[in-house]
Amino acid sequence: MIRRSASKAPGDGRGQAAVLTDAGLERIQGAWPAHLESVRRVVLANLGDLPLAEFARALDAIAAEETSHGPARRRAAG
C-alpha cells in the first residue's frame, strides 16, 4: 500500500519518503465513508452549540502546533 521512495525525506535527510501506491489509495478511498460517519458520530455530534467556525480555528491551531514541532516532540514527551 505504500512503498519507500528512492529519495530522502525532507529536512535533515535521515528518513525515507513513503509513496502511496494505487492499491493504498483505493484502500483509503474505500475506508472514507466509514471514517466520515465515525467523525460525524464521535466528534461533530458532541460539539453541541459550539460554532463550527470556532471549532475549525481550534483545529487550525492544533495543526499549526504539530507542524511547528513535528513528531519528534511527541516521541520525546511520551
C-alpha atoms as a PDB file:
ATOM      1  CA  MET A   1       0.000   0.000   0.000  1.00  0.00           C
ATOM      2  CA  ILE A   2       2.994   2.241   0.432  1.00  0.00           C
ATOM      3  CA  ARG A   3       6.471   1.969  -0.953  1.00  0.00           C
ATOM      4  CA  ARG A   4       9.687   3.583   0.089  1.00  0.00           C
ATOM      5  CA  SER A   5      10.866   6.317  -2.235  1.00  0.00           C
ATOM      6  CA  ALA A   6      14.421   6.399  -3.521  1.00  0.00           C
ATOM      7  CA  SER A   7      14.705   9.991  -2.324  1.00  0.00           C
ATOM      8  CA  LYS A   8      15.407  11.019   1.259  1.00  0.00           C
ATOM      9  CA  ALA A   9      12.711  12.606   3.372  1.00  0.00           C
ATOM     10  CA  PRO A  10      12.718  16.416   3.572  1.00  0.00           C
ATOM     11  CA  GLY A  11      14.533  18.007   6.468  1.00  0.00           C
ATOM     12  CA  ASP A  12      17.784  16.555   7.679  1.00  0.00           C
ATOM     13  CA  GLY A  13      17.724  13.584   5.274  1.00  0.00           C
ATOM     14  CA  ARG A  14      17.844  10.883   7.953  1.00  0.00           C
ATOM     15  CA  GLY A  15      14.492   9.364   6.996  1.00  0.00           C
ATOM     16  CA  GLN A  16      12.924   7.923   3.878  1.00  0.00           C
ATOM     17  CA  ALA A  17       9.927   9.259   1.993  1.00  0.00           C
ATOM     18  CA  ALA A  18       6.921   6.973   1.612  1.00  0.00           C
ATOM     19  CA  VAL A  19       4.796   6.927  -1.546  1.00  0.00           C
ATOM     20  CA  LEU A  20       1.176   5.834  -1.533  1.00  0.00           C
ATOM     21  CA  THR A  21       0.540   3.147  -4.134  1.00  0.00           C
ATOM     22  CA  ASP A  22      -2.608   2.850  -6.260  1.00  0.00           C
ATOM     23  CA  ALA A  23      -3.734  -0.032  -4.025  1.00  0.00           C
ATOM     24  CA  GLY A  24      -3.154   2.126  -0.948  1.00  0.00           C
ATOM     25  CA  LEU A  25      -5.198   4.954  -2.430  1.00  0.00           C
ATOM     26  CA  GLU A  26      -8.043   2.545  -3.212  1.00  0.00           C
ATOM     27  CA  ARG A  27      -7.966   1.298   0.370  1.00  0.00           C
ATOM     28  CA  ILE A  28      -8.131   4.836   1.743  1.00  0.00           C
ATOM     29  CA  GLN A  29     -10.994   5.705  -0.601  1.00  0.00           C
ATOM     30  CA  GLY A  30     -12.851   2.562   0.486  1.00  0.00           C
ATOM     31  CA  ALA A  31     -12.423   3.456   4.160  1.00  0.00           C
ATOM     32  CA  TRP A  32     -13.558   7.050   3.691  1.00  0.00           C
ATOM     33  CA  PRO A  33     -17.346   6.528   4.161  1.00  0.00           C
ATOM     34  CA  ALA A  34     -16.911   4.677   7.483  1.00  0.00           C
ATOM     35  CA  HIS A  35     -14.346   7.231   8.669  1.00  0.00           C
ATOM     36  CA  LEU A  36     -16.626  10.153   7.803  1.00  0.00           C
ATOM     37  CA  GLU A  37     -19.545   8.536   9.634  1.00  0.00           C
ATOM     38  CA  SER A  38     -17.320   7.962  12.671  1.00  0.00           C
ATOM     39  CA  VAL A  39     -16.152  11.591  12.734  1.00  0.00           C
ATOM     40  CA  ARG A  40     -19.739  12.792  12.486  1.00  0.00           C
ATOM     41  CA  ARG A  41     -20.868  10.453  15.279  1.00  0.00           C
ATOM     42  CA  VAL A  42     -17.958  10.889  17.666  1.00  0.00           C
ATOM     43  CA  VAL A  43     -16.830  14.473  17.075  1.00  0.00           C
ATOM     44  CA  LEU A  44     -19.460  16.615  15.411  1.00  0.00           C
ATOM     45  CA  ALA A  45     -22.405  15.171  17.356  1.00  0.00           C
ATOM     46  CA  ASN A  46     -20.648  16.129  20.596  1.00  0.00           C
ATOM     47  CA  LEU A  47     -19.930  19.754  19.770  1.00  0.00           C
ATOM     48  CA  GLY A  48     -23.287  20.921  20.995  1.00  0.00           C
ATOM     49  CA  ASP A  49     -23.806  24.603  20.241  1.00  0.00           C
ATOM     50  CA  LEU A  50     -20.139  25.318  19.532  1.00  0.00           C
ATOM     51  CA  PRO A  51     -19.976  27.174  16.218  1.00  0.00           C
ATOM     52  CA  LEU A  52     -18.155  25.166  13.549  1.00  0.00           C
ATOM     53  CA  ALA A  53     -16.007  28.191  12.658  1.00  0.00           C
ATOM     54  CA  GLU A  54     -14.717  28.250  16.244  1.00  0.00           C
ATOM     55  CA  PHE A  55     -14.040  24.518  16.118  1.00  0.00           C
ATOM     56  CA  ALA A  56     -12.191  24.956  12.806  1.00  0.00           C
ATOM     57  CA  ARG A  57      -9.982  27.672  14.346  1.00  0.00           C
ATOM     58  CA  ALA A  58      -9.117  25.318  17.210  1.00  0.00           C
ATOM     59  CA  LEU A  59      -8.189  22.554  14.742  1.00  0.00           C
ATOM     60  CA  ASP A  60      -6.039  25.012  12.773  1.00  0.00           C
ATOM     61  CA  ALA A  61      -4.182  25.906  15.979  1.00  0.00           C
ATOM     62  CA  ILE A  62      -3.612  22.203  16.741  1.00  0.00           C
ATOM     63  CA  ALA A  63      -2.325  21.588  13.212  1.00  0.00           C
ATOM     64  CA  ALA A  64      -0.004  24.608  13.417  1.00  0.00           C
ATOM     65  CA  GLU A  65       1.432  23.341  16.709  1.00  0.00           C
ATOM     66  CA  GLU A  66       2.016  19.882  15.215  1.00  0.00           C
ATOM     67  CA  THR A  67       3.662  21.361  12.127  1.00  0.00           C
ATOM     68  CA  SER A  68       5.966  23.618  14.115  1.00  0.00           C
ATOM     69  CA  HIS A  69       7.216  20.896  16.451  1.00  0.00           C
ATOM     70  CA  GLY A  70       6.828  17.716  14.396  1.00  0.00           C
ATOM     71  CA  PRO A  71       6.662  14.106  15.535  1.00  0.00           C
ATOM     72  CA  ALA A  72       9.999  14.188  17.402  1.00  0.00           C
ATOM     73  CA  ARG A  73       8.380  16.252  20.152  1.00  0.00           C
ATOM     74  CA  ARG A  74       5.640  13.650  20.661  1.00  0.00           C
ATOM     75  CA  ARG A  75       8.197  10.842  20.993  1.00  0.00           C
ATOM     76  CA  ALA A  76      10.290  12.825  23.471  1.00  0.00           C
ATOM     77  CA  ALA A  77       7.268  13.707  25.604  1.00  0.00           C
ATOM     78  CA  GLY A  78       5.809  10.192  25.598  1.00  0.00           C
END
